[in-house]
């Protein structure tokens, strides 16, 4: 392989990874903030329904803030790092599903949380596979 070929390969956008430093650094920092908020907003075991619903919604707010912080980056940067928009959409989808669960729980309906899937696997698997130090906290998908 020539030096030019190696340079081109080493500097191309890997389609499955968020690897552009201006994007990945903001995403990882926003994720760390989100994870701290998620841990702080835990409902104690056996908490009443209203406390559980409040916890879900406060955690959703932390997810939404993380997504907004990354979306605030220059649109060109987001477009250059191809999986970023899909990764953000996955977080938004998780918030939507969690909110439906919270609404059902608050209304006294038979609330049952089902982790969304992508390509036959839990959505969190794809979300955790973009090369960032930003795993989906287990508390976000274990709502039983």
N, C-alpha and C. Protein backbone atom coordinates (compact mmCIF):
# COMPACT_ATOMS: atom_id res chain seq x y z
N UNK A 1 0.85 -1.17 0.00
CA UNK A 1 0.00 0.00 0.00
C UNK A 1 0.90 1.23 0.00
N UNK A 2 0.56 2.20 -0.82
CA UNK A 2 1.35 3.42 -0.89
C UNK A 2 1.07 4.32 0.30
N UNK A 3 1.96 5.28 0.51
CA UNK A 3 1.75 6.24 1.61
C UNK A 3 0.45 7.01 1.40
N UNK A 4 0.17 7.38 0.16
CA UNK A 4 -1.07 8.12 -0.13
C UNK A 4 -2.28 7.26 0.18
N UNK A 5 -2.21 5.98 -0.18
CA UNK A 5 -3.32 5.07 0.10
C UNK A 5 -3.51 4.87 1.58
N UNK A 6 -2.41 4.72 2.31
CA UNK A 6 -2.49 4.56 3.76
C UNK A 6 -3.07 5.82 4.40
N UNK A 7 -2.63 6.99 3.95
CA UNK A 7 -3.15 8.26 4.48
C UNK A 7 -4.66 8.37 4.24
N UNK A 8 -5.08 8.02 3.03
CA UNK A 8 -6.51 8.08 2.69
C UNK A 8 -7.30 7.13 3.57
N UNK A 9 -6.81 5.89 3.72
CA UNK A 9 -7.52 4.91 4.54
C UNK A 9 -7.59 5.35 6.00
N UNK A 10 -6.47 5.83 6.52
CA UNK A 10 -6.42 6.21 7.94
C UNK A 10 -7.30 7.41 8.24
N UNK A 11 -7.55 8.24 7.25
CA UNK A 11 -8.31 9.47 7.50
C UNK A 11 -9.73 9.45 6.94
N UNK A 12 -10.21 8.30 6.50
CA UNK A 12 -11.59 8.27 6.00
C UNK A 12 -12.56 8.12 7.16
N UNK A 13 -13.79 8.50 6.91
CA UNK A 13 -14.83 8.39 7.94
C UNK A 13 -15.29 6.94 8.01
N UNK A 14 -15.07 6.32 9.15
CA UNK A 14 -15.54 4.95 9.33
C UNK A 14 -17.04 5.02 9.57
N UNK A 15 -17.83 4.39 8.71
CA UNK A 15 -19.28 4.60 8.71
C UNK A 15 -20.02 4.12 9.95
N UNK A 16 -19.40 3.33 10.79
CA UNK A 16 -20.10 2.84 11.98
C UNK A 16 -19.62 3.50 13.26
N UNK A 17 -18.64 4.38 13.17
CA UNK A 17 -18.07 4.98 14.38
C UNK A 17 -18.19 6.50 14.37
N UNK A 18 -18.46 7.04 15.53
CA UNK A 18 -18.41 8.49 15.72
C UNK A 18 -16.98 8.78 16.15
N UNK A 19 -16.16 9.20 15.19
CA UNK A 19 -14.73 9.29 15.45
C UNK A 19 -14.10 10.63 15.08
N UNK A 20 -14.91 11.62 14.78
CA UNK A 20 -14.39 12.95 14.51
C UNK A 20 -14.25 13.66 15.86
N UNK A 21 -13.02 13.99 16.30
CA UNK A 21 -12.83 14.53 17.65
C UNK A 21 -13.75 15.68 18.05
N UNK A 22 -14.03 16.66 17.20
CA UNK A 22 -14.94 17.72 17.66
C UNK A 22 -16.34 17.19 18.01
N UNK A 23 -16.75 16.11 17.38
CA UNK A 23 -18.05 15.50 17.67
C UNK A 23 -17.93 14.54 18.85
N UNK A 24 -16.96 13.64 18.78
CA UNK A 24 -16.84 12.61 19.82
C UNK A 24 -16.55 13.21 21.19
N UNK A 25 -15.74 14.26 21.23
CA UNK A 25 -15.42 14.87 22.53
C UNK A 25 -16.65 15.51 23.17
N UNK A 26 -17.44 16.21 22.38
CA UNK A 26 -18.67 16.82 22.91
C UNK A 26 -19.65 15.72 23.32
N UNK A 27 -19.79 14.70 22.47
CA UNK A 27 -20.73 13.61 22.77
C UNK A 27 -20.33 12.90 24.06
N UNK A 28 -19.06 12.60 24.23
CA UNK A 28 -18.62 11.90 25.44
C UNK A 28 -18.77 12.77 26.68
N UNK A 29 -18.50 14.06 26.57
CA UNK A 29 -18.68 14.96 27.71
C UNK A 29 -20.16 15.08 28.06
N UNK A 30 -21.00 15.24 27.05
CA UNK A 30 -22.45 15.33 27.29
C UNK A 30 -22.97 14.02 27.88
N UNK A 31 -22.41 12.91 27.43
CA UNK A 31 -22.82 11.60 27.95
C UNK A 31 -22.43 11.46 29.42
N UNK A 32 -21.25 11.91 29.78
CA UNK A 32 -20.82 11.83 31.18
C UNK A 32 -21.75 12.65 32.07
N UNK A 33 -22.14 13.82 31.60
CA UNK A 33 -23.09 14.65 32.35
C UNK A 33 -24.42 13.93 32.49
N UNK A 34 -24.88 13.32 31.39
CA UNK A 34 -26.14 12.58 31.41
C UNK A 34 -26.08 11.42 32.39
N UNK A 35 -25.00 10.65 32.35
CA UNK A 35 -24.88 9.48 33.23
C UNK A 35 -24.90 9.91 34.71
N UNK A 36 -24.27 11.02 35.03
CA UNK A 36 -24.30 11.53 36.40
C UNK A 36 -25.72 11.89 36.81
N UNK A 37 -26.44 12.57 35.93
CA UNK A 37 -27.82 12.95 36.22
C UNK A 37 -28.71 11.72 36.35
N UNK A 38 -28.52 10.74 35.49
CA UNK A 38 -29.32 9.51 35.54
C UNK A 38 -29.11 8.81 36.89
N UNK A 39 -27.87 8.73 37.33
CA UNK A 39 -27.59 8.08 38.62
C UNK A 39 -28.21 8.86 39.77
N UNK A 40 -28.20 10.18 39.68
CA UNK A 40 -28.73 11.02 40.77
C UNK A 40 -30.25 11.01 40.85
N UNK A 41 -30.91 10.67 39.76
CA UNK A 41 -32.37 10.73 39.70
C UNK A 41 -33.03 9.36 39.89
N UNK A 42 -32.32 8.44 40.50
CA UNK A 42 -32.87 7.10 40.70
C UNK A 42 -34.00 7.12 41.72
N UNK A 43 -35.04 6.35 41.42
CA UNK A 43 -36.12 6.15 42.39
C UNK A 43 -35.72 4.99 43.29
N UNK A 44 -35.95 5.09 44.58
CA UNK A 44 -35.59 3.99 45.47
C UNK A 44 -36.43 2.75 45.18
N UNK A 45 -35.90 1.56 45.47
CA UNK A 45 -36.69 0.34 45.26
C UNK A 45 -38.01 0.43 46.01
N UNK A 46 -39.07 -0.02 45.35
CA UNK A 46 -40.39 -0.01 45.97
C UNK A 46 -41.02 1.36 46.08
N UNK A 47 -40.48 2.34 45.37
CA UNK A 47 -41.01 3.71 45.43
C UNK A 47 -42.43 3.76 44.89
N UNK A 48 -43.23 4.70 45.38
CA UNK A 48 -44.59 4.86 44.85
C UNK A 48 -44.55 5.23 43.37
N UNK A 49 -45.67 5.00 42.70
CA UNK A 49 -45.76 5.23 41.26
C UNK A 49 -45.36 6.66 40.89
N UNK A 50 -45.85 7.65 41.62
CA UNK A 50 -45.54 9.03 41.25
C UNK A 50 -44.04 9.32 41.34
N UNK A 51 -43.36 8.71 42.27
CA UNK A 51 -41.91 8.87 42.40
C UNK A 51 -41.20 8.20 41.23
N UNK A 52 -41.67 7.02 40.85
CA UNK A 52 -41.07 6.30 39.71
C UNK A 52 -41.27 7.09 38.42
N UNK A 53 -42.47 7.61 38.23
CA UNK A 53 -42.76 8.39 37.02
C UNK A 53 -41.88 9.64 36.98
N UNK A 54 -41.76 10.34 38.10
CA UNK A 54 -40.90 11.53 38.16
C UNK A 54 -39.45 11.16 37.82
N UNK A 55 -38.98 10.04 38.35
CA UNK A 55 -37.61 9.60 38.07
C UNK A 55 -37.41 9.33 36.58
N UNK A 56 -38.37 8.65 35.96
CA UNK A 56 -38.27 8.36 34.52
C UNK A 56 -38.20 9.67 33.74
N UNK A 57 -39.07 10.59 34.07
CA UNK A 57 -39.12 11.86 33.32
C UNK A 57 -37.89 12.73 33.58
N UNK A 58 -37.37 12.73 34.78
CA UNK A 58 -36.15 13.49 35.05
C UNK A 58 -34.97 12.88 34.31
N UNK A 59 -34.93 11.58 34.25
CA UNK A 59 -33.87 10.92 33.49
C UNK A 59 -34.04 11.19 31.99
N UNK A 60 -35.28 11.19 31.52
CA UNK A 60 -35.52 11.54 30.11
C UNK A 60 -35.03 12.95 29.81
N UNK A 61 -35.22 13.87 30.75
CA UNK A 61 -34.74 15.24 30.56
C UNK A 61 -33.21 15.26 30.42
N UNK A 62 -32.53 14.41 31.17
CA UNK A 62 -31.07 14.32 31.06
C UNK A 62 -30.66 13.79 29.69
N UNK A 63 -31.41 12.83 29.17
CA UNK A 63 -31.12 12.29 27.83
C UNK A 63 -31.36 13.36 26.77
N UNK A 64 -32.47 14.07 26.92
CA UNK A 64 -32.81 15.11 25.95
C UNK A 64 -31.76 16.22 25.96
N UNK A 65 -31.26 16.58 27.12
CA UNK A 65 -30.21 17.60 27.22
C UNK A 65 -28.93 17.13 26.54
N UNK A 66 -28.59 15.85 26.71
CA UNK A 66 -27.40 15.31 26.06
C UNK A 66 -27.54 15.40 24.55
N UNK A 67 -28.68 14.95 24.03
CA UNK A 67 -28.92 14.99 22.59
C UNK A 67 -28.85 16.43 22.08
N UNK A 68 -29.48 17.35 22.79
CA UNK A 68 -29.49 18.76 22.37
C UNK A 68 -28.08 19.32 22.32
N UNK A 69 -27.27 18.96 23.28
CA UNK A 69 -25.89 19.47 23.32
C UNK A 69 -25.10 19.02 22.10
N UNK A 70 -25.29 17.77 21.69
CA UNK A 70 -24.58 17.27 20.51
C UNK A 70 -25.19 17.89 19.25
N UNK A 71 -26.50 17.98 19.18
CA UNK A 71 -27.16 18.58 18.01
C UNK A 71 -26.79 20.05 17.82
N UNK A 72 -26.35 20.72 18.88
CA UNK A 72 -25.95 22.13 18.79
C UNK A 72 -24.63 22.32 18.03
N UNK A 73 -23.94 21.23 17.75
CA UNK A 73 -22.70 21.33 16.98
C UNK A 73 -23.01 21.80 15.56
N UNK A 74 -22.00 22.28 14.88
CA UNK A 74 -22.14 22.70 13.49
C UNK A 74 -22.74 21.55 12.67
N UNK A 75 -23.82 21.80 11.94
CA UNK A 75 -24.44 20.74 11.14
C UNK A 75 -23.47 20.04 10.19
N UNK A 76 -22.49 20.77 9.67
CA UNK A 76 -21.51 20.16 8.78
C UNK A 76 -20.69 19.11 9.52
N UNK A 77 -20.32 19.39 10.77
CA UNK A 77 -19.58 18.40 11.57
C UNK A 77 -20.42 17.15 11.78
N UNK A 78 -21.70 17.33 12.08
CA UNK A 78 -22.57 16.18 12.30
C UNK A 78 -22.72 15.36 11.03
N UNK A 79 -22.81 16.02 9.89
CA UNK A 79 -22.95 15.31 8.62
C UNK A 79 -21.69 14.56 8.24
N UNK A 80 -20.53 15.11 8.59
CA UNK A 80 -19.26 14.47 8.26
C UNK A 80 -19.05 13.18 9.03
N UNK A 81 -19.61 13.08 10.21
CA UNK A 81 -19.45 11.88 11.03
C UNK A 81 -20.76 11.11 10.96
N UNK A 82 -20.87 10.28 9.93
CA UNK A 82 -22.14 9.70 9.50
C UNK A 82 -23.02 9.07 10.57
N UNK A 83 -22.53 8.29 11.50
CA UNK A 83 -23.47 7.64 12.42
C UNK A 83 -24.04 8.57 13.50
N UNK A 84 -23.56 9.80 13.57
CA UNK A 84 -23.98 10.68 14.67
C UNK A 84 -25.48 10.93 14.67
N UNK A 85 -26.04 11.28 13.54
CA UNK A 85 -27.48 11.58 13.50
C UNK A 85 -28.32 10.36 13.87
N UNK A 86 -27.93 9.19 13.39
CA UNK A 86 -28.67 7.96 13.73
C UNK A 86 -28.54 7.65 15.22
N UNK A 87 -27.35 7.87 15.78
CA UNK A 87 -27.13 7.63 17.21
C UNK A 87 -28.01 8.56 18.03
N UNK A 88 -28.08 9.82 17.64
CA UNK A 88 -28.94 10.78 18.35
C UNK A 88 -30.41 10.39 18.21
N UNK A 89 -30.81 9.94 17.03
CA UNK A 89 -32.19 9.50 16.82
C UNK A 89 -32.51 8.29 17.70
N UNK A 90 -31.54 7.41 17.90
CA UNK A 90 -31.76 6.26 18.79
C UNK A 90 -32.02 6.72 20.22
N UNK A 91 -31.28 7.71 20.69
CA UNK A 91 -31.50 8.25 22.04
C UNK A 91 -32.90 8.86 22.13
N UNK A 92 -33.29 9.60 21.08
CA UNK A 92 -34.62 10.21 21.07
C UNK A 92 -35.71 9.15 21.08
N UNK A 93 -35.50 8.08 20.34
CA UNK A 93 -36.48 6.98 20.33
C UNK A 93 -36.59 6.35 21.71
N UNK A 94 -35.46 6.17 22.37
CA UNK A 94 -35.49 5.61 23.73
C UNK A 94 -36.28 6.53 24.66
N UNK A 95 -36.10 7.83 24.54
CA UNK A 95 -36.86 8.78 25.37
C UNK A 95 -38.36 8.63 25.09
N UNK A 96 -38.74 8.53 23.83
CA UNK A 96 -40.16 8.38 23.47
C UNK A 96 -40.77 7.14 24.08
N UNK A 97 -40.07 6.02 23.99
CA UNK A 97 -40.58 4.75 24.53
C UNK A 97 -40.67 4.84 26.05
N UNK A 98 -39.67 5.42 26.68
CA UNK A 98 -39.69 5.58 28.13
C UNK A 98 -40.83 6.51 28.56
N UNK A 99 -41.10 7.56 27.79
CA UNK A 99 -42.19 8.49 28.12
C UNK A 99 -43.54 7.79 28.00
N UNK A 100 -43.72 6.98 26.97
CA UNK A 100 -44.99 6.22 26.85
C UNK A 100 -45.17 5.32 28.06
N UNK A 101 -44.10 4.68 28.49
CA UNK A 101 -44.16 3.82 29.68
C UNK A 101 -44.54 4.66 30.91
N UNK A 102 -43.91 5.81 31.07
CA UNK A 102 -44.20 6.68 32.22
C UNK A 102 -45.66 7.13 32.20
N UNK A 103 -46.17 7.47 31.02
CA UNK A 103 -47.57 7.91 30.90
C UNK A 103 -48.51 6.77 31.26
N UNK A 104 -48.22 5.56 30.79
CA UNK A 104 -49.05 4.40 31.14
C UNK A 104 -49.00 4.13 32.63
N UNK A 105 -47.82 4.22 33.20
CA UNK A 105 -47.65 4.00 34.63
C UNK A 105 -48.44 5.04 35.43
N UNK A 106 -48.33 6.30 35.04
CA UNK A 106 -49.03 7.38 35.74
C UNK A 106 -50.55 7.24 35.63
N UNK A 107 -51.02 6.71 34.50
CA UNK A 107 -52.46 6.57 34.28
C UNK A 107 -53.02 5.29 34.89
N UNK A 108 -52.16 4.48 35.46
CA UNK A 108 -52.63 3.23 36.06
C UNK A 108 -52.91 2.14 35.05
N UNK A 109 -52.47 2.35 33.82
CA UNK A 109 -52.64 1.31 32.80
C UNK A 109 -51.56 0.25 33.02
N UNK A 110 -51.78 -0.92 32.52
CA UNK A 110 -50.81 -2.01 32.64
C UNK A 110 -49.51 -1.66 31.94
N UNK A 111 -48.68 -0.90 32.61
CA UNK A 111 -47.43 -0.44 32.00
C UNK A 111 -46.45 -1.60 31.87
N UNK A 112 -45.94 -1.76 30.67
CA UNK A 112 -44.95 -2.79 30.40
C UNK A 112 -43.90 -2.18 29.48
N UNK A 113 -42.68 -2.10 29.97
CA UNK A 113 -41.60 -1.50 29.18
C UNK A 113 -40.92 -2.56 28.35
N UNK A 114 -40.82 -2.30 27.07
CA UNK A 114 -40.11 -3.19 26.15
C UNK A 114 -38.98 -2.39 25.52
N UNK A 115 -37.78 -2.89 25.66
CA UNK A 115 -36.62 -2.22 25.08
C UNK A 115 -36.76 -2.25 23.56
N UNK A 116 -36.66 -1.10 22.90
CA UNK A 116 -36.75 -1.09 21.44
C UNK A 116 -35.63 -1.93 20.83
N UNK A 117 -35.89 -2.44 19.65
CA UNK A 117 -34.88 -3.25 18.96
C UNK A 117 -34.48 -2.58 17.65
N UNK A 118 -33.31 -2.95 17.18
CA UNK A 118 -32.79 -2.52 15.89
C UNK A 118 -32.09 -3.72 15.28
N UNK A 119 -32.52 -4.12 14.12
CA UNK A 119 -31.93 -5.28 13.45
C UNK A 119 -31.97 -6.52 14.33
N UNK A 120 -33.05 -6.68 15.09
CA UNK A 120 -33.24 -7.87 15.92
C UNK A 120 -32.50 -7.86 17.25
N UNK A 121 -31.80 -6.79 17.55
CA UNK A 121 -31.07 -6.69 18.82
C UNK A 121 -31.59 -5.50 19.62
N UNK A 122 -31.42 -5.53 20.94
CA UNK A 122 -31.82 -4.36 21.72
C UNK A 122 -31.13 -3.10 21.19
N UNK A 123 -31.87 -2.02 21.11
CA UNK A 123 -31.36 -0.77 20.57
C UNK A 123 -30.06 -0.34 21.26
N UNK A 124 -29.95 -0.63 22.54
CA UNK A 124 -28.75 -0.24 23.29
C UNK A 124 -27.49 -0.86 22.70
N UNK A 125 -27.59 -2.03 22.10
CA UNK A 125 -26.41 -2.67 21.50
C UNK A 125 -25.86 -1.77 20.39
N UNK A 126 -26.74 -1.29 19.52
CA UNK A 126 -26.29 -0.40 18.44
C UNK A 126 -25.78 0.92 19.02
N UNK A 127 -26.49 1.45 20.02
CA UNK A 127 -26.10 2.72 20.61
C UNK A 127 -24.73 2.64 21.28
N UNK A 128 -24.40 1.46 21.80
CA UNK A 128 -23.11 1.26 22.48
C UNK A 128 -21.98 0.90 21.52
N UNK A 129 -22.27 0.81 20.23
CA UNK A 129 -21.29 0.31 19.26
C UNK A 129 -20.79 1.37 18.30
N UNK A 130 -20.78 2.62 18.72
CA UNK A 130 -20.35 3.69 17.82
C UNK A 130 -18.96 4.22 18.15
N UNK A 131 -18.26 3.55 19.06
CA UNK A 131 -16.89 3.94 19.37
C UNK A 131 -16.74 5.02 20.41
N UNK A 132 -17.82 5.39 21.07
CA UNK A 132 -17.75 6.42 22.12
C UNK A 132 -17.66 5.78 23.49
N UNK A 133 -17.13 6.52 24.43
CA UNK A 133 -17.20 6.12 25.84
C UNK A 133 -18.54 6.66 26.33
N UNK A 134 -19.59 5.91 26.01
CA UNK A 134 -20.95 6.37 26.32
C UNK A 134 -21.92 5.21 26.22
N UNK A 135 -21.85 4.32 27.16
CA UNK A 135 -22.79 3.20 27.15
C UNK A 135 -24.13 3.63 27.73
N UNK A 136 -25.18 3.03 27.22
CA UNK A 136 -26.52 3.29 27.73
C UNK A 136 -26.58 2.76 29.16
N UNK A 137 -26.86 3.61 30.14
CA UNK A 137 -26.96 3.13 31.52
C UNK A 137 -28.06 2.07 31.65
N UNK A 138 -27.76 1.00 32.35
CA UNK A 138 -28.72 -0.10 32.50
C UNK A 138 -30.04 0.39 33.09
N UNK A 139 -29.98 1.41 33.96
CA UNK A 139 -31.19 1.92 34.60
C UNK A 139 -32.18 2.49 33.58
N UNK A 140 -31.71 2.83 32.40
CA UNK A 140 -32.60 3.42 31.40
C UNK A 140 -33.41 2.38 30.65
N UNK A 141 -32.95 1.15 30.65
CA UNK A 141 -33.66 0.10 29.92
C UNK A 141 -34.22 -0.99 30.83
N UNK A 142 -33.93 -0.91 32.11
CA UNK A 142 -34.45 -1.88 33.08
C UNK A 142 -35.49 -1.18 33.94
N UNK A 143 -36.72 -1.11 33.43
CA UNK A 143 -37.77 -0.37 34.12
C UNK A 143 -38.81 -1.27 34.77
N UNK A 144 -38.55 -2.52 34.88
CA UNK A 144 -39.56 -3.44 35.44
C UNK A 144 -39.71 -3.30 36.92
